[in-house]
Amino acid sequence: MFEIGDFVRINDRTHDERMPASRMGHIVERVHATVHYAEKGKTPTSVYKVFMTNGVTLKFHEMYFERVL
């Protein structure tokens, strides 16, 4: 499980042209499901917003994360 503040690298199985070459950033927020996908309101998902080292914030599923120590 990942937490807000974790420093991560986005692995090579996904790509976004706005991502920096280092593919690294800090997790800043967990994305919540909309009411259409959740029976009891908003529920957490495995998707997070990541503030990349180039200043861009992108969303990724945790399956693309590599923890950086």
Protein backbone atom coordinates (compact mmCIF):
# COMPACT_ATOMS: atom_id res chain seq x y z
CA MET A 1 0.00 0.00 0.00
CA PHE A 2 1.23 3.47 -0.82
CA GLU A 3 0.70 6.63 1.22
CA ILE A 4 0.56 10.37 0.68
CA GLY A 5 4.13 11.69 0.60
CA ASP A 6 5.74 8.52 -0.77
CA PHE A 7 8.38 9.16 -3.43
CA VAL A 8 7.72 6.88 -6.39
CA ARG A 9 8.97 6.10 -9.88
CA ILE A 10 6.38 5.32 -12.55
CA ASN A 11 7.42 2.09 -14.26
CA ASP A 12 7.78 1.60 -18.02
CA ARG A 13 4.41 -0.17 -18.48
CA THR A 14 2.61 3.17 -18.88
CA HIS A 15 3.38 6.52 -20.42
CA ASP A 16 2.20 10.10 -20.44
CA GLU A 17 3.90 12.73 -22.60
CA ARG A 18 3.75 15.18 -19.67
CA MET A 19 5.87 12.86 -17.49
CA PRO A 20 9.52 13.89 -16.88
CA ALA A 21 12.35 11.65 -18.13
CA SER A 22 13.09 10.58 -14.52
CA ARG A 23 9.50 9.24 -14.19
CA MET A 24 9.66 10.25 -10.48
CA GLY A 25 7.32 12.15 -8.20
CA HIS A 26 5.58 12.38 -4.83
CA ILE A 27 2.12 10.98 -4.11
CA VAL A 28 -0.06 13.94 -3.15
CA GLU A 29 -3.61 12.58 -3.09
CA ARG A 30 -5.64 9.40 -3.34
CA VAL A 31 -8.37 9.51 -5.98
CA HIS A 32 -11.90 8.58 -4.91
CA ALA A 33 -14.56 6.81 -6.97
CA THR A 34 -17.58 8.77 -8.11
CA VAL A 35 -20.99 7.93 -6.71
CA HIS A 36 -21.71 5.87 -9.85
CA TYR A 37 -19.04 3.35 -8.88
CA ALA A 38 -19.53 3.31 -5.13
CA GLU A 39 -22.55 2.12 -3.20
CA LYS A 40 -21.91 4.25 -0.13
CA GLY A 41 -20.68 7.51 -1.62
CA LYS A 42 -17.06 8.12 -2.40
CA THR A 43 -14.71 5.25 -1.72
CA PRO A 44 -10.92 5.10 -2.13
CA THR A 45 -9.45 3.54 -5.24
CA SER A 46 -5.92 2.41 -6.04
CA VAL A 47 -5.40 5.54 -8.16
CA TYR A 48 -3.29 8.42 -6.88
CA LYS A 49 -2.31 11.91 -7.99
CA VAL A 50 1.46 12.19 -8.30
CA PHE A 51 3.29 15.53 -8.31
CA MET A 52 6.06 14.82 -10.80
CA THR A 53 9.56 16.32 -10.57
CA ASN A 54 8.78 18.62 -13.52
CA GLY A 55 5.90 20.26 -11.62
CA VAL A 56 3.06 18.44 -13.40
CA THR A 57 0.47 16.46 -11.41
CA LEU A 58 -0.67 13.22 -13.08
CA LYS A 59 -2.94 10.32 -12.02
CA PHE A 60 -1.74 6.71 -12.00
CA HIS A 61 -2.91 3.37 -10.65
CA GLU A 62 -0.61 2.03 -7.94
CA MET A 63 0.29 -0.98 -10.13
CA TYR A 64 2.60 1.40 -12.02
CA PHE A 65 4.48 2.55 -8.90
CA GLU A 66 7.98 1.61 -7.79
CA ARG A 67 8.79 2.87 -4.28
CA VAL A 68 11.93 5.03 -4.15
CA LEU A 69 13.83 4.89 -0.87
